[in-house]
Amino acid sequence: MLHFVTEINFVTEIIRKSVKHLKNDFDTIEGTLYVQSQLWPDVGTLDGRRYD
């Protein structure tokens, strides 16, 4: 039984780390897009189309 609980904790920890990683990636992408929109307001989006 203890082994089973340890397994679950291990899996939970992996998931938690992946989610944290994902969040960091999203923050980085959002930060990049924000900077880009400040530098080149005409661009608006990565592919150049505007969604106003």
PDB file of N, CA and C in Angstrom:
ATOM      1  N   MET A   1       0.837  -1.199   0.000  1.00  0.00           N
ATOM      2  CA  MET A   1       0.000   0.000   0.000  1.00  0.00           C
ATOM      3  C   MET A   1       0.877   1.256   0.000  1.00  0.00           C
ATOM      4  N   LEU A   2       1.900   1.264   0.808  1.00  0.00           N
ATOM      5  CA  LEU A   2       2.798   2.417   0.883  1.00  0.00           C
ATOM      6  C   LEU A   2       3.459   2.658  -0.470  1.00  0.00           C
ATOM      7  N   HIS A   3       3.845   1.568  -1.119  1.00  0.00           N
ATOM      8  CA  HIS A   3       4.478   1.676  -2.433  1.00  0.00           C
ATOM      9  C   HIS A   3       3.539   2.366  -3.419  1.00  0.00           C
ATOM     10  N   PHE A   4       2.269   2.004  -3.356  1.00  0.00           N
ATOM     11  CA  PHE A   4       1.254   2.577  -4.243  1.00  0.00           C
ATOM     12  C   PHE A   4       1.151   4.092  -4.036  1.00  0.00           C
ATOM     13  N   VAL A   5       1.109   4.510  -2.776  1.00  0.00           N
ATOM     14  CA  VAL A   5       1.018   5.939  -2.450  1.00  0.00           C
ATOM     15  C   VAL A   5       2.249   6.672  -2.979  1.00  0.00           C
ATOM     16  N   THR A   6       3.411   6.063  -2.825  1.00  0.00           N
ATOM     17  CA  THR A   6       4.648   6.665  -3.320  1.00  0.00           C
ATOM     18  C   THR A   6       4.580   6.862  -4.824  1.00  0.00           C
ATOM     19  N   GLU A   7       4.067   5.858  -5.520  1.00  0.00           N
ATOM     20  CA  GLU A   7       3.911   5.958  -6.973  1.00  0.00           C
ATOM     21  C   GLU A   7       3.051   7.160  -7.341  1.00  0.00           C
ATOM     22  N   ILE A   8       1.913   7.299  -6.671  1.00  0.00           N
ATOM     23  CA  ILE A   8       0.984   8.396  -6.968  1.00  0.00           C
ATOM     24  C   ILE A   8       1.666   9.741  -6.712  1.00  0.00           C
ATOM     25  N   ASN A   9       2.374   9.850  -5.598  1.00  0.00           N
ATOM     26  CA  ASN A   9       3.081  11.096  -5.296  1.00  0.00           C
ATOM     27  C   ASN A   9       4.106  11.409  -6.375  1.00  0.00           C
ATOM     28  N   PHE A  10       4.791  10.386  -6.846  1.00  0.00           N
ATOM     29  CA  PHE A  10       5.804  10.553  -7.883  1.00  0.00           C
ATOM     30  C   PHE A  10       5.166  11.095  -9.161  1.00  0.00           C
ATOM     31  N   VAL A  11       4.063  10.470  -9.573  1.00  0.00           N
ATOM     32  CA  VAL A  11       3.356  10.893 -10.785  1.00  0.00           C
ATOM     33  C   VAL A  11       2.825  12.318 -10.623  1.00  0.00           C
ATOM     34  N   THR A  12       2.251  12.601  -9.456  1.00  0.00           N
ATOM     35  CA  THR A  12       1.727  13.948  -9.191  1.00  0.00           C
ATOM     36  C   THR A  12       2.832  14.983  -9.314  1.00  0.00           C
ATOM     37  N   GLU A  13       3.997  14.653  -8.777  1.00  0.00           N
ATOM     38  CA  GLU A  13       5.139  15.567  -8.814  1.00  0.00           C
ATOM     39  C   GLU A  13       5.556  15.832 -10.262  1.00  0.00           C
ATOM     40  N   ILE A  14       5.601  14.777 -11.074  1.00  0.00           N
ATOM     41  CA  ILE A  14       5.961  14.926 -12.491  1.00  0.00           C
ATOM     42  C   ILE A  14       4.964  15.843 -13.189  1.00  0.00           C
ATOM     43  N   ILE A  15       3.672  15.601 -12.950  1.00  0.00           N
ATOM     44  CA  ILE A  15       2.629  16.424 -13.579  1.00  0.00           C
ATOM     45  C   ILE A  15       2.776  17.874 -13.126  1.00  0.00           C
ATOM     46  N   ARG A  16       2.996  18.069 -11.835  1.00  0.00           N
ATOM     47  CA  ARG A  16       3.121  19.430 -11.311  1.00  0.00           C
ATOM     48  C   ARG A  16       4.289  20.143 -11.985  1.00  0.00           C
ATOM     49  N   LYS A  17       5.411  19.444 -12.147  1.00  0.00           N
ATOM     50  CA  LYS A  17       6.579  20.063 -12.777  1.00  0.00           C
ATOM     51  C   LYS A  17       6.307  20.383 -14.239  1.00  0.00           C
ATOM     52  N   SER A  18       5.627  19.481 -14.949  1.00  0.00           N
ATOM     53  CA  SER A  18       5.327  19.734 -16.363  1.00  0.00           C
ATOM     54  C   SER A  18       4.427  20.942 -16.506  1.00  0.00           C
ATOM     55  N   VAL A  19       3.418  21.038 -15.635  1.00  0.00           N
ATOM     56  CA  VAL A  19       2.484  22.161 -15.703  1.00  0.00           C
ATOM     57  C   VAL A  19       3.232  23.461 -15.435  1.00  0.00           C
ATOM     58  N   LYS A  20       4.118  23.433 -14.442  1.00  0.00           N
ATOM     59  CA  LYS A  20       4.893  24.626 -14.117  1.00  0.00           C
ATOM     60  C   LYS A  20       5.748  25.019 -15.322  1.00  0.00           C
ATOM     61  N   HIS A  21       6.355  24.024 -15.955  1.00  0.00           N
ATOM     62  CA  HIS A  21       7.162  24.243 -17.157  1.00  0.00           C
ATOM     63  C   HIS A  21       6.320  24.902 -18.242  1.00  0.00           C
ATOM     64  N   LEU A  22       5.134  24.333 -18.478  1.00  0.00           N
ATOM     65  CA  LEU A  22       4.228  24.867 -19.496  1.00  0.00           C
ATOM     66  C   LEU A  22       3.883  26.316 -19.199  1.00  0.00           C
ATOM     67  N   LYS A  23       3.565  26.586 -17.935  1.00  0.00           N
ATOM     68  CA  LYS A  23       3.198  27.943 -17.558  1.00  0.00           C
ATOM     69  C   LYS A  23       4.359  28.894 -17.851  1.00  0.00           C
ATOM     70  N   ASN A  24       5.573  28.472 -17.528  1.00  0.00           N
ATOM     71  CA  ASN A  24       6.737  29.313 -17.806  1.00  0.00           C
ATOM     72  C   ASN A  24       6.878  29.564 -19.297  1.00  0.00           C
ATOM     73  N   ASP A  25       6.653  28.517 -20.104  1.00  0.00           N
ATOM     74  CA  ASP A  25       6.723  28.674 -21.557  1.00  0.00           C
ATOM     75  C   ASP A  25       5.682  29.678 -22.027  1.00  0.00           C
ATOM     76  N   PHE A  26       4.460  29.561 -21.512  1.00  0.00           N
ATOM     77  CA  PHE A  26       3.394  30.486 -21.921  1.00  0.00           C
ATOM     78  C   PHE A  26       3.736  31.911 -21.513  1.00  0.00           C
ATOM     79  N   ASP A  27       4.268  32.080 -20.299  1.00  0.00           N
ATOM     80  CA  ASP A  27       4.663  33.416 -19.844  1.00  0.00           C
ATOM     81  C   ASP A  27       5.706  33.996 -20.786  1.00  0.00           C
ATOM     82  N   THR A  28       6.662  33.173 -21.197  1.00  0.00           N
ATOM     83  CA  THR A  28       7.712  33.633 -22.102  1.00  0.00           C
ATOM     84  C   THR A  28       7.119  34.042 -23.437  1.00  0.00           C
ATOM     85  N   ILE A  29       6.222  33.209 -23.977  1.00  0.00           N
ATOM     86  CA  ILE A  29       5.585  33.507 -25.264  1.00  0.00           C
ATOM     87  C   ILE A  29       4.776  34.789 -25.160  1.00  0.00           C
ATOM     88  N   GLU A  30       3.989  34.924 -24.090  1.00  0.00           N
ATOM     89  CA  GLU A  30       3.187  36.137 -23.900  1.00  0.00           C
ATOM     90  C   GLU A  30       4.083  37.355 -23.786  1.00  0.00           C
ATOM     91  N   GLY A  31       5.177  37.222 -23.040  1.00  0.00           N
ATOM     92  CA  GLY A  31       6.117  38.326 -22.888  1.00  0.00           C
ATOM     93  C   GLY A  31       6.696  38.732 -24.229  1.00  0.00           C
ATOM     94  N   THR A  32       7.064  37.740 -25.037  1.00  0.00           N
ATOM     95  CA  THR A  32       7.629  38.008 -26.358  1.00  0.00           C
ATOM     96  C   THR A  32       6.616  38.711 -27.238  1.00  0.00           C
ATOM     97  N   LEU A  33       5.374  38.216 -27.238  1.00  0.00           N
ATOM     98  CA  LEU A  33       4.336  38.843 -28.056  1.00  0.00           C
ATOM     99  C   LEU A  33       4.069  40.265 -27.595  1.00  0.00           C
ATOM    100  N   TYR A  34       4.096  40.470 -26.274  1.00  0.00           N
ATOM    101  CA  TYR A  34       3.859  41.817 -25.745  1.00  0.00           C
ATOM    102  C   TYR A  34       4.954  42.772 -26.220  1.00  0.00           C
ATOM    103  N   VAL A  35       6.201  42.351 -26.077  1.00  0.00           N
ATOM    104  CA  VAL A  35       7.325  43.187 -26.513  1.00  0.00           C
ATOM    105  C   VAL A  35       7.214  43.458 -28.004  1.00  0.00           C
ATOM    106  N   GLN A  36       6.880  42.422 -28.759  1.00  0.00           N
ATOM    107  CA  GLN A  36       6.759  42.563 -30.204  1.00  0.00           C
ATOM    108  C   GLN A  36       5.673  43.579 -30.552  1.00  0.00           C
ATOM    109  N   SER A  37       4.548  43.521 -29.831  1.00  0.00           N
ATOM    110  CA  SER A  37       3.454  44.448 -30.133  1.00  0.00           C
ATOM    111  C   SER A  37       3.848  45.876 -29.759  1.00  0.00           C
ATOM    112  N   GLN A  38       4.742  46.024 -28.779  1.00  0.00           N
ATOM    113  CA  GLN A  38       5.215  47.364 -28.424  1.00  0.00           C
ATOM    114  C   GLN A  38       6.180  47.890 -29.483  1.00  0.00           C
ATOM    115  N   LEU A  39       7.041  47.013 -29.986  1.00  0.00           N
ATOM    116  CA  LEU A  39       8.060  47.445 -30.948  1.00  0.00           C
ATOM    117  C   LEU A  39       7.476  47.656 -32.332  1.00  0.00           C
ATOM    118  N   TRP A  40       6.624  46.734 -32.748  1.00  0.00           N
ATOM    119  CA  TRP A  40       6.028  46.822 -34.088  1.00  0.00           C
ATOM    120  C   TRP A  40       4.516  46.776 -33.970  1.00  0.00           C
ATOM    121  N   PRO A  41       3.866  47.888 -33.636  1.00  0.00           N
ATOM    122  CA  PRO A  41       2.412  47.890 -33.429  1.00  0.00           C
ATOM    123  C   PRO A  41       1.645  47.478 -34.689  1.00  0.00           C
ATOM    124  N   ASP A  42       2.230  47.683 -35.876  1.00  0.00           N
ATOM    125  CA  ASP A  42       1.531  47.341 -37.122  1.00  0.00           C
ATOM    126  C   ASP A  42       1.390  45.834 -37.264  1.00  0.00           C
ATOM    127  N   VAL A  43       2.352  45.096 -36.707  1.00  0.00           N
ATOM    128  CA  VAL A  43       2.355  43.650 -36.915  1.00  0.00           C
ATOM    129  C   VAL A  43       1.160  43.014 -36.206  1.00  0.00           C
ATOM    130  N   GLY A  44       0.961  43.347 -34.932  1.00  0.00           N
ATOM    131  CA  GLY A  44      -0.211  42.858 -34.212  1.00  0.00           C
ATOM    132  C   GLY A  44      -0.135  41.386 -33.873  1.00  0.00           C
ATOM    133  N   THR A  45       0.063  40.528 -34.864  1.00  0.00           N
ATOM    134  CA  THR A  45       0.171  39.095 -34.607  1.00  0.00           C
ATOM    135  C   THR A  45       1.391  38.559 -35.328  1.00  0.00           C
ATOM    136  N   LEU A  46       1.725  37.315 -35.037  1.00  0.00           N
ATOM    137  CA  LEU A  46       2.932  36.726 -35.613  1.00  0.00           C
ATOM    138  C   LEU A  46       2.848  36.635 -37.133  1.00  0.00           C
ATOM    139  N   ASP A  47       1.650  36.341 -37.658  1.00  0.00           N
ATOM    140  CA  ASP A  47       1.544  36.160 -39.111  1.00  0.00           C
ATOM    141  C   ASP A  47       1.232  37.473 -39.824  1.00  0.00           C
ATOM    142  N   GLY A  48       1.190  38.588 -39.068  1.00  0.00           N
ATOM    143  CA  GLY A  48       1.033  39.885 -39.713  1.00  0.00           C
ATOM    144  C   GLY A  48      -0.399  40.358 -39.836  1.00  0.00           C
ATOM    145  N   ARG A  49      -1.364  39.440 -39.593  1.00  0.00           N
ATOM    146  CA  ARG A  49      -2.767  39.869 -39.667  1.00  0.00           C
ATOM    147  C   ARG A  49      -3.175  40.497 -38.354  1.00  0.00           C
ATOM    148  N   ARG A  50      -4.058  41.453 -38.412  1.00  0.00           N
ATOM    149  CA  ARG A  50      -4.534  42.093 -37.181  1.00  0.00           C
ATOM    150  C   ARG A  50      -5.891  41.522 -36.798  1.00  0.00           C
ATOM    151  N   TYR A  51      -6.102  41.387 -35.491  1.00  0.00           N
ATOM    152  CA  TYR A  51      -7.395  40.925 -35.001  1.00  0.00           C
ATOM    153  C   TYR A  51      -7.917  41.981 -34.041  1.00  0.00           C
ATOM    154  N   ASP A  52      -8.416  43.072 -34.572  1.00  0.00           N
ATOM    155  CA  ASP A  52      -8.898  44.158 -33.714  1.00  0.00           C
ATOM    156  C   ASP A  52     -10.369  43.971 -33.403  1.00  0.00           C
TER     157      ASP A  52
END
